[in-house]
Each structure stands twice: as structure tokens, then as C-alpha cells.
Amino acid sequence: MNSDIWVALLAMIGTLAGTFGGIITSGKLTAYRIQQLEHKVDEHNQFARRMPVVEEQIKVINHRLTDLEGENHHHEGVS
């Protein structure tokens, strides 16, 4: 075979190897980034599930403070 054909074949093999290597690397990077986003979404969802509990606890605390303030005003008026 002519040396030009060998050079062309080697160039084609190099191009294909580089292309497929890039595709594989890009796929791995995309999978990694999706995994990181899923982790962030899981953290957000845990936070969102806990917020109603925290809001209810704040309501209870506010009611207790209101009751204590009412008792304090009642005791101040009695003195």
C-alpha cells in the first residue's frame, strides 16, 4: 500500500479515538453533574419536609409567649 493511505488510515484512527474518548469523557462528566444536582435536590427536599414542623413549633412558641405575657400582665395588675 501507498504510504499516503497508511497516513490517512492512522489519521482516521486517531480522529475516531479522540472523538470517542471525548464522548465517553463528556458522558461521565454529565453523569457526575446530574448526580451532584440530585444530591442538592435531596437536601432541598429534606429542608422542605422539615419546614412545616419548624413552622408549627414556632406557632407553639408564640402561643406560649403570649400566654406568659398575659400571666405577667395579670400579676403586675394584682400587685
PDB file of N, CA and C in Angstrom:
ATOM      1  N   MET A   1       0.830  -1.194   0.000  1.00  0.00           N
ATOM      2  CA  MET A   1       0.000   0.000   0.000  1.00  0.00           C
ATOM      3  C   MET A   1       0.863   1.242   0.000  1.00  0.00           C
ATOM      4  N   ASN A   2       0.275   2.253  -0.483  1.00  0.00           N
ATOM      5  CA  ASN A   2       0.944   3.536  -0.572  1.00  0.00           C
ATOM      6  C   ASN A   2       1.046   4.152   0.829  1.00  0.00           C
ATOM      7  N   SER A   3       2.106   4.874   1.094  1.00  0.00           N
ATOM      8  CA  SER A   3       2.289   5.495   2.411  1.00  0.00           C
ATOM      9  C   SER A   3       1.221   6.543   2.698  1.00  0.00           C
ATOM     10  N   ASP A   4       0.682   7.162   1.676  1.00  0.00           N
ATOM     11  CA  ASP A   4      -0.394   8.144   1.878  1.00  0.00           C
ATOM     12  C   ASP A   4      -1.648   7.474   2.449  1.00  0.00           C
ATOM     13  N   ILE A   5      -1.910   6.263   2.023  1.00  0.00           N
ATOM     14  CA  ILE A   5      -3.071   5.534   2.540  1.00  0.00           C
ATOM     15  C   ILE A   5      -2.867   5.199   4.016  1.00  0.00           C
ATOM     16  N   TRP A   6      -1.639   4.780   4.350  1.00  0.00           N
ATOM     17  CA  TRP A   6      -1.338   4.479   5.760  1.00  0.00           C
ATOM     18  C   TRP A   6      -1.484   5.721   6.633  1.00  0.00           C
ATOM     19  N   VAL A   7      -0.995   6.820   6.164  1.00  0.00           N
ATOM     20  CA  VAL A   7      -1.109   8.078   6.918  1.00  0.00           C
ATOM     21  C   VAL A   7      -2.577   8.441   7.095  1.00  0.00           C
ATOM     22  N   ALA A   8      -3.366   8.287   6.037  1.00  0.00           N
ATOM     23  CA  ALA A   8      -4.790   8.609   6.118  1.00  0.00           C
ATOM     24  C   ALA A   8      -5.504   7.677   7.092  1.00  0.00           C
ATOM     25  N   LEU A   9      -5.177   6.379   7.045  1.00  0.00           N
ATOM     26  CA  LEU A   9      -5.794   5.422   7.971  1.00  0.00           C
ATOM     27  C   LEU A   9      -5.426   5.722   9.422  1.00  0.00           C
ATOM     28  N   LEU A  10      -4.149   6.022   9.656  1.00  0.00           N
ATOM     29  CA  LEU A  10      -3.721   6.363  11.019  1.00  0.00           C
ATOM     30  C   LEU A  10      -4.385   7.648  11.502  1.00  0.00           C
ATOM     31  N   ALA A  11      -4.517   8.614  10.609  1.00  0.00           N
ATOM     32  CA  ALA A  11      -5.189   9.860  10.974  1.00  0.00           C
ATOM     33  C   ALA A  11      -6.653   9.596  11.307  1.00  0.00           C
ATOM     34  N   MET A  12      -7.307   8.737  10.530  1.00  0.00           N
ATOM     35  CA  MET A  12      -8.701   8.408  10.783  1.00  0.00           C
ATOM     36  C   MET A  12      -8.852   7.677  12.118  1.00  0.00           C
ATOM     37  N   ILE A  13      -7.948   6.736  12.386  1.00  0.00           N
ATOM     38  CA  ILE A  13      -7.989   6.009  13.660  1.00  0.00           C
ATOM     39  C   ILE A  13      -7.782   6.980  14.824  1.00  0.00           C
ATOM     40  N   GLY A  14      -6.839   7.886  14.692  1.00  0.00           N
ATOM     41  CA  GLY A  14      -6.600   8.886  15.736  1.00  0.00           C
ATOM     42  C   GLY A  14      -7.808   9.784  15.942  1.00  0.00           C
ATOM     43  N   THR A  15      -8.428  10.185  14.849  1.00  0.00           N
ATOM     44  CA  THR A  15      -9.613  11.035  14.941  1.00  0.00           C
ATOM     45  C   THR A  15     -10.756  10.300  15.630  1.00  0.00           C
ATOM     46  N   LEU A  16     -10.980   9.051  15.236  1.00  0.00           N
ATOM     47  CA  LEU A  16     -12.048   8.262  15.858  1.00  0.00           C
ATOM     48  C   LEU A  16     -11.784   8.038  17.345  1.00  0.00           C
ATOM     49  N   ALA A  17     -10.541   7.724  17.687  1.00  0.00           N
ATOM     50  CA  ALA A  17     -10.190   7.506  19.095  1.00  0.00           C
ATOM     51  C   ALA A  17     -10.420   8.781  19.901  1.00  0.00           C
ATOM     52  N   GLY A  18     -10.003   9.912  19.355  1.00  0.00           N
ATOM     53  CA  GLY A  18     -10.210  11.184  20.048  1.00  0.00           C
ATOM     54  C   GLY A  18     -11.683  11.525  20.193  1.00  0.00           C
ATOM     55  N   THR A  19     -12.448  11.273  19.150  1.00  0.00           N
ATOM     56  CA  THR A  19     -13.881  11.566  19.188  1.00  0.00           C
ATOM     57  C   THR A  19     -14.590  10.706  20.225  1.00  0.00           C
ATOM     58  N   PHE A  20     -14.337   9.389  20.171  1.00  0.00           N
ATOM     59  CA  PHE A  20     -14.992   8.501  21.128  1.00  0.00           C
ATOM     60  C   PHE A  20     -14.514   8.759  22.555  1.00  0.00           C
ATOM     61  N   GLY A  21     -13.240   9.093  22.708  1.00  0.00           N
ATOM     62  CA  GLY A  21     -12.737   9.455  24.037  1.00  0.00           C
ATOM     63  C   GLY A  21     -13.442  10.685  24.573  1.00  0.00           C
ATOM     64  N   GLY A  22     -13.657  11.671  23.714  1.00  0.00           N
ATOM     65  CA  GLY A  22     -14.374  12.877  24.121  1.00  0.00           C
ATOM     66  C   GLY A  22     -15.817  12.595  24.485  1.00  0.00           C
ATOM     67  N   ILE A  23     -16.453  11.725  23.711  1.00  0.00           N
ATOM     68  CA  ILE A  23     -17.846  11.369  24.001  1.00  0.00           C
ATOM     69  C   ILE A  23     -17.952  10.661  25.350  1.00  0.00           C
ATOM     70  N   ILE A  24     -17.050   9.731  25.598  1.00  0.00           N
ATOM     71  CA  ILE A  24     -17.067   8.993  26.869  1.00  0.00           C
ATOM     72  C   ILE A  24     -16.807   9.937  28.040  1.00  0.00           C
ATOM     73  N   THR A  25     -15.815  10.812  27.899  1.00  0.00           N
ATOM     74  CA  THR A  25     -15.499  11.768  28.960  1.00  0.00           C
ATOM     75  C   THR A  25     -16.668  12.712  29.207  1.00  0.00           C
ATOM     76  N   SER A  26     -17.288  13.186  28.150  1.00  0.00           N
ATOM     77  CA  SER A  26     -18.441  14.072  28.282  1.00  0.00           C
ATOM     78  C   SER A  26     -19.593  13.367  28.986  1.00  0.00           C
ATOM     79  N   GLY A  27     -19.817  12.111  28.651  1.00  0.00           N
ATOM     80  CA  GLY A  27     -20.876  11.335  29.305  1.00  0.00           C
ATOM     81  C   GLY A  27     -20.619  11.164  30.787  1.00  0.00           C
ATOM     82  N   LYS A  28     -19.360  10.893  31.140  1.00  0.00           N
ATOM     83  CA  LYS A  28     -19.015  10.748  32.558  1.00  0.00           C
ATOM     84  C   LYS A  28     -19.216  12.065  33.303  1.00  0.00           C
ATOM     85  N   LEU A  29     -18.812  13.171  32.688  1.00  0.00           N
ATOM     86  CA  LEU A  29     -18.983  14.477  33.317  1.00  0.00           C
ATOM     87  C   LEU A  29     -20.460  14.805  33.489  1.00  0.00           C
ATOM     88  N   THR A  30     -21.257  14.513  32.484  1.00  0.00           N
ATOM     89  CA  THR A  30     -22.696  14.763  32.576  1.00  0.00           C
ATOM     90  C   THR A  30     -23.315  13.927  33.688  1.00  0.00           C
ATOM     91  N   ALA A  31     -22.939  12.660  33.781  1.00  0.00           N
ATOM     92  CA  ALA A  31     -23.458  11.790  34.840  1.00  0.00           C
ATOM     93  C   ALA A  31     -23.061  12.320  36.212  1.00  0.00           C
ATOM     94  N   TYR A  32     -21.820  12.797  36.351  1.00  0.00           N
ATOM     95  CA  TYR A  32     -21.356  13.354  37.627  1.00  0.00           C
ATOM     96  C   TYR A  32     -22.156  14.594  38.000  1.00  0.00           C
ATOM     97  N   ARG A  33     -22.367  15.476  37.031  1.00  0.00           N
ATOM     98  CA  ARG A  33     -23.105  16.706  37.308  1.00  0.00           C
ATOM     99  C   ARG A  33     -24.554  16.408  37.671  1.00  0.00           C
ATOM    100  N   ILE A  34     -25.160  15.435  37.015  1.00  0.00           N
ATOM    101  CA  ILE A  34     -26.534  15.047  37.358  1.00  0.00           C
ATOM    102  C   ILE A  34     -26.584  14.491  38.774  1.00  0.00           C
ATOM    103  N   GLN A  35     -25.588  13.694  39.133  1.00  0.00           N
ATOM    104  CA  GLN A  35     -25.528  13.140  40.484  1.00  0.00           C
ATOM    105  C   GLN A  35     -25.426  14.258  41.521  1.00  0.00           C
ATOM    106  N   GLN A  36     -24.606  15.268  41.240  1.00  0.00           N
ATOM    107  CA  GLN A  36     -24.473  16.390  42.166  1.00  0.00           C
ATOM    108  C   GLN A  36     -25.786  17.160  42.284  1.00  0.00           C
ATOM    109  N   LEU A  37     -26.473  17.363  41.180  1.00  0.00           N
ATOM    110  CA  LEU A  37     -27.767  18.051  41.216  1.00  0.00           C
ATOM    111  C   LEU A  37     -28.797  17.241  41.993  1.00  0.00           C
ATOM    112  N   GLU A  38     -28.794  15.928  41.818  1.00  0.00           N
ATOM    113  CA  GLU A  38     -29.716  15.080  42.575  1.00  0.00           C
ATOM    114  C   GLU A  38     -29.445  15.199  44.066  1.00  0.00           C
ATOM    115  N   HIS A  39     -28.186  15.270  44.444  1.00  0.00           N
ATOM    116  CA  HIS A  39     -27.825  15.431  45.855  1.00  0.00           C
ATOM    117  C   HIS A  39     -28.365  16.755  46.394  1.00  0.00           C
ATOM    118  N   LYS A  40     -28.211  17.827  45.619  1.00  0.00           N
ATOM    119  CA  LYS A  40     -28.721  19.129  46.047  1.00  0.00           C
ATOM    120  C   LYS A  40     -30.241  19.119  46.156  1.00  0.00           C
ATOM    121  N   VAL A  41     -30.908  18.454  45.234  1.00  0.00           N
ATOM    122  CA  VAL A  41     -32.372  18.360  45.280  1.00  0.00           C
ATOM    123  C   VAL A  41     -32.803  17.578  46.516  1.00  0.00           C
ATOM    124  N   ASP A  42     -32.093  16.496  46.840  1.00  0.00           N
ATOM    125  CA  ASP A  42     -32.413  15.723  48.041  1.00  0.00           C
ATOM    126  C   ASP A  42     -32.276  16.582  49.291  1.00  0.00           C
ATOM    127  N   GLU A  43     -31.210  17.377  49.376  1.00  0.00           N
ATOM    128  CA  GLU A  43     -31.029  18.272  50.522  1.00  0.00           C
ATOM    129  C   GLU A  43     -32.169  19.277  50.602  1.00  0.00           C
ATOM    130  N   HIS A  44     -32.553  19.835  49.467  1.00  0.00           N
ATOM    131  CA  HIS A  44     -33.647  20.806  49.443  1.00  0.00           C
ATOM    132  C   HIS A  44     -34.954  20.150  49.876  1.00  0.00           C
ATOM    133  N   ASN A  45     -35.210  18.940  49.404  1.00  0.00           N
ATOM    134  CA  ASN A  45     -36.445  18.250  49.763  1.00  0.00           C
ATOM    135  C   ASN A  45     -36.498  17.942  51.253  1.00  0.00           C
ATOM    136  N   GLN A  46     -35.364  17.584  51.845  1.00  0.00           N
ATOM    137  CA  GLN A  46     -35.331  17.351  53.292  1.00  0.00           C
ATOM    138  C   GLN A  46     -35.658  18.640  54.031  1.00  0.00           C
ATOM    139  N   PHE A  47     -35.106  19.736  53.559  1.00  0.00           N
ATOM    140  CA  PHE A  47     -35.382  21.037  54.164  1.00  0.00           C
ATOM    141  C   PHE A  47     -36.860  21.372  54.032  1.00  0.00           C
ATOM    142  N   ALA A  48     -37.423  21.135  52.855  1.00  0.00           N
ATOM    143  CA  ALA A  48     -38.833  21.449  52.611  1.00  0.00           C
ATOM    144  C   ALA A  48     -39.741  20.582  53.479  1.00  0.00           C
ATOM    145  N   ARG A  49     -39.361  19.355  53.755  1.00  0.00           N
ATOM    146  CA  ARG A  49     -40.172  18.490  54.620  1.00  0.00           C
ATOM    147  C   ARG A  49     -40.105  18.941  56.069  1.00  0.00           C
ATOM    148  N   ARG A  50     -38.976  19.511  56.470  1.00  0.00           N
ATOM    149  CA  ARG A  50     -38.811  19.929  57.861  1.00  0.00           C
ATOM    150  C   ARG A  50     -39.443  21.279  58.150  1.00  0.00           C
ATOM    151  N   MET A  51     -39.628  22.116  57.148  1.00  0.00           N
ATOM    152  CA  MET A  51     -40.150  23.468  57.376  1.00  0.00           C
ATOM    153  C   MET A  51     -41.535  23.486  58.020  1.00  0.00           C
ATOM    154  N   PRO A  52     -42.500  22.687  57.598  1.00  0.00           N
ATOM    155  CA  PRO A  52     -43.802  22.723  58.279  1.00  0.00           C
ATOM    156  C   PRO A  52     -43.697  22.379  59.761  1.00  0.00           C
ATOM    157  N   VAL A  53     -42.798  21.469  60.109  1.00  0.00           N
ATOM    158  CA  VAL A  53     -42.600  21.117  61.515  1.00  0.00           C
ATOM    159  C   VAL A  53     -42.058  22.321  62.270  1.00  0.00           C
ATOM    160  N   VAL A  54     -41.079  22.994  61.690  1.00  0.00           N
ATOM    161  CA  VAL A  54     -40.494  24.175  62.330  1.00  0.00           C
ATOM    162  C   VAL A  54     -41.543  25.278  62.456  1.00  0.00           C
ATOM    163  N   GLU A  55     -42.346  25.474  61.425  1.00  0.00           N
ATOM    164  CA  GLU A  55     -43.390  26.496  61.484  1.00  0.00           C
ATOM    165  C   GLU A  55     -44.387  26.189  62.597  1.00  0.00           C
ATOM    166  N   GLU A  56     -44.752  24.936  62.752  1.00  0.00           N
ATOM    167  CA  GLU A  56     -45.681  24.556  63.823  1.00  0.00           C
ATOM    168  C   GLU A  56     -45.045  24.799  65.186  1.00  0.00           C
ATOM    169  N   GLN A  57     -43.766  24.488  65.318  1.00  0.00           N
ATOM    170  CA  GLN A  57     -43.071  24.733  66.583  1.00  0.00           C
ATOM    171  C   GLN A  57     -43.020  26.225  66.890  1.00  0.00           C
ATOM    172  N   ILE A  58     -42.835  27.046  65.879  1.00  0.00           N
ATOM    173  CA  ILE A  58     -42.819  28.498  66.082  1.00  0.00           C
ATOM    174  C   ILE A  58     -44.186  28.974  66.549  1.00  0.00           C
ATOM    175  N   LYS A  59     -45.260  28.424  65.983  1.00  0.00           N
ATOM    176  CA  LYS A  59     -46.610  28.793  66.427  1.00  0.00           C
ATOM    177  C   LYS A  59     -46.804  28.454  67.899  1.00  0.00           C
ATOM    178  N   VAL A  60     -46.354  27.254  68.294  1.00  0.00           N
ATOM    179  CA  VAL A  60     -46.485  26.836  69.690  1.00  0.00           C
ATOM    180  C   VAL A  60     -45.697  27.777  70.593  1.00  0.00           C
ATOM    181  N   ILE A  61     -44.489  28.118  70.187  1.00  0.00           N
ATOM    182  CA  ILE A  61     -43.661  29.031  70.986  1.00  0.00           C
ATOM    183  C   ILE A  61     -44.332  30.392  71.099  1.00  0.00           C
ATOM    184  N   ASN A  62     -44.886  30.886  70.003  1.00  0.00           N
ATOM    185  CA  ASN A  62     -45.573  32.178  70.049  1.00  0.00           C
ATOM    186  C   ASN A  62     -46.776  32.136  70.981  1.00  0.00           C
ATOM    187  N   HIS A  63     -47.539  31.051  70.968  1.00  0.00           N
ATOM    188  CA  HIS A  63     -48.677  30.926  71.884  1.00  0.00           C
ATOM    189  C   HIS A  63     -48.200  30.902  73.331  1.00  0.00           C
ATOM    190  N   ARG A  64     -47.125  30.182  73.585  1.00  0.00           N
ATOM    191  CA  ARG A  64     -46.592  30.137  74.954  1.00  0.00           C
ATOM    192  C   ARG A  64     -46.138  31.519  75.408  1.00  0.00           C
ATOM    193  N   LEU A  65     -45.469  32.248  74.516  1.00  0.00           N
ATOM    194  CA  LEU A  65     -45.034  33.604  74.871  1.00  0.00           C
ATOM    195  C   LEU A  65     -46.229  34.504  75.148  1.00  0.00           C
ATOM    196  N   THR A  66     -47.255  34.385  74.321  1.00  0.00           N
ATOM    197  CA  THR A  66     -48.461  35.187  74.535  1.00  0.00           C
ATOM    198  C   THR A  66     -49.087  34.850  75.878  1.00  0.00           C
ATOM    199  N   ASP A  67     -49.160  33.555  76.204  1.00  0.00           N
ATOM    200  CA  ASP A  67     -49.707  33.143  77.500  1.00  0.00           C
ATOM    201  C   ASP A  67     -48.863  33.687  78.647  1.00  0.00           C
ATOM    202  N   LEU A  68     -47.538  33.598  78.518  1.00  0.00           N
ATOM    203  CA  LEU A  68     -46.655  34.107  79.574  1.00  0.00           C
ATOM    204  C   LEU A  68     -46.777  35.615  79.722  1.00  0.00           C
ATOM    205  N   GLU A  69     -46.885  36.319  78.608  1.00  0.00           N
ATOM    206  CA  GLU A  69     -47.063  37.768  78.681  1.00  0.00           C
ATOM    207  C   GLU A  69     -48.386  38.110  79.346  1.00  0.00           C
ATOM    208  N   GLY A  70     -49.415  37.338  79.059  1.00  0.00           N
ATOM    209  CA  GLY A  70     -50.716  37.558  79.697  1.00  0.00           C
ATOM    210  C   GLY A  70     -50.645  37.313  81.189  1.00  0.00           C
ATOM    211  N   GLU A  71     -49.951  36.255  81.603  1.00  0.00           N
ATOM    212  CA  GLU A  71     -49.781  35.979  83.030  1.00  0.00           C
ATOM    213  C   GLU A  71     -48.978  37.087  83.691  1.00  0.00           C
ATOM    214  N   ASN A  72     -47.962  37.585  82.997  1.00  0.00           N
ATOM    215  CA  ASN A  72     -47.123  38.643  83.546  1.00  0.00           C
ATOM    216  C   ASN A  72     -47.950  39.910  83.754  1.00  0.00           C
ATOM    217  N   HIS A  73     -48.792  40.267  82.791  1.00  0.00           N
ATOM    218  CA  HIS A  73     -49.643  41.452  82.933  1.00  0.00           C
ATOM    219  C   HIS A  73     -50.657  41.240  84.050  1.00  0.00           C
ATOM    220  N   HIS A  74     -51.149  40.025  84.203  1.00  0.00           N
ATOM    221  CA  HIS A  74     -52.110  39.720  85.252  1.00  0.00           C
ATOM    222  C   HIS A  74     -51.462  39.890  86.625  1.00  0.00           C
ATOM    223  N   HIS A  75     -50.223  39.399  86.786  1.00  0.00           N
ATOM    224  CA  HIS A  75     -49.517  39.518  88.060  1.00  0.00           C
ATOM    225  C   HIS A  75     -49.132  40.965  88.347  1.00  0.00           C
ATOM    226  N   GLU A  76     -48.801  41.724  87.328  1.00  0.00           N
ATOM    227  CA  GLU A  76     -48.460  43.129  87.532  1.00  0.00           C
ATOM    228  C   GLU A  76     -49.683  43.911  87.982  1.00  0.00           C
ATOM    229  N   GLY A  77     -50.835  43.571  87.460  1.00  0.00           N
ATOM    230  CA  GLY A  77     -52.066  44.260  87.841  1.00  0.00           C
ATOM    231  C   GLY A  77     -52.501  43.912  89.251  1.00  0.00           C
ATOM    232  N   VAL A  78     -52.162  42.699  89.737  1.00  0.00           N
ATOM    233  CA  VAL A  78     -52.552  42.255  91.071  1.00  0.00           C
ATOM    234  C   VAL A  78     -51.693  42.925  92.127  1.00  0.00           C
ATOM    235  N   SER A  79     -50.435  43.159  91.830  1.00  0.00           N
ATOM    236  CA  SER A  79     -49.518  43.697  92.836  1.00  0.00           C
ATOM    237  C   SER A  79     -49.901  45.010  93.319  1.00  0.00           C
TER     238      SER A  79
END
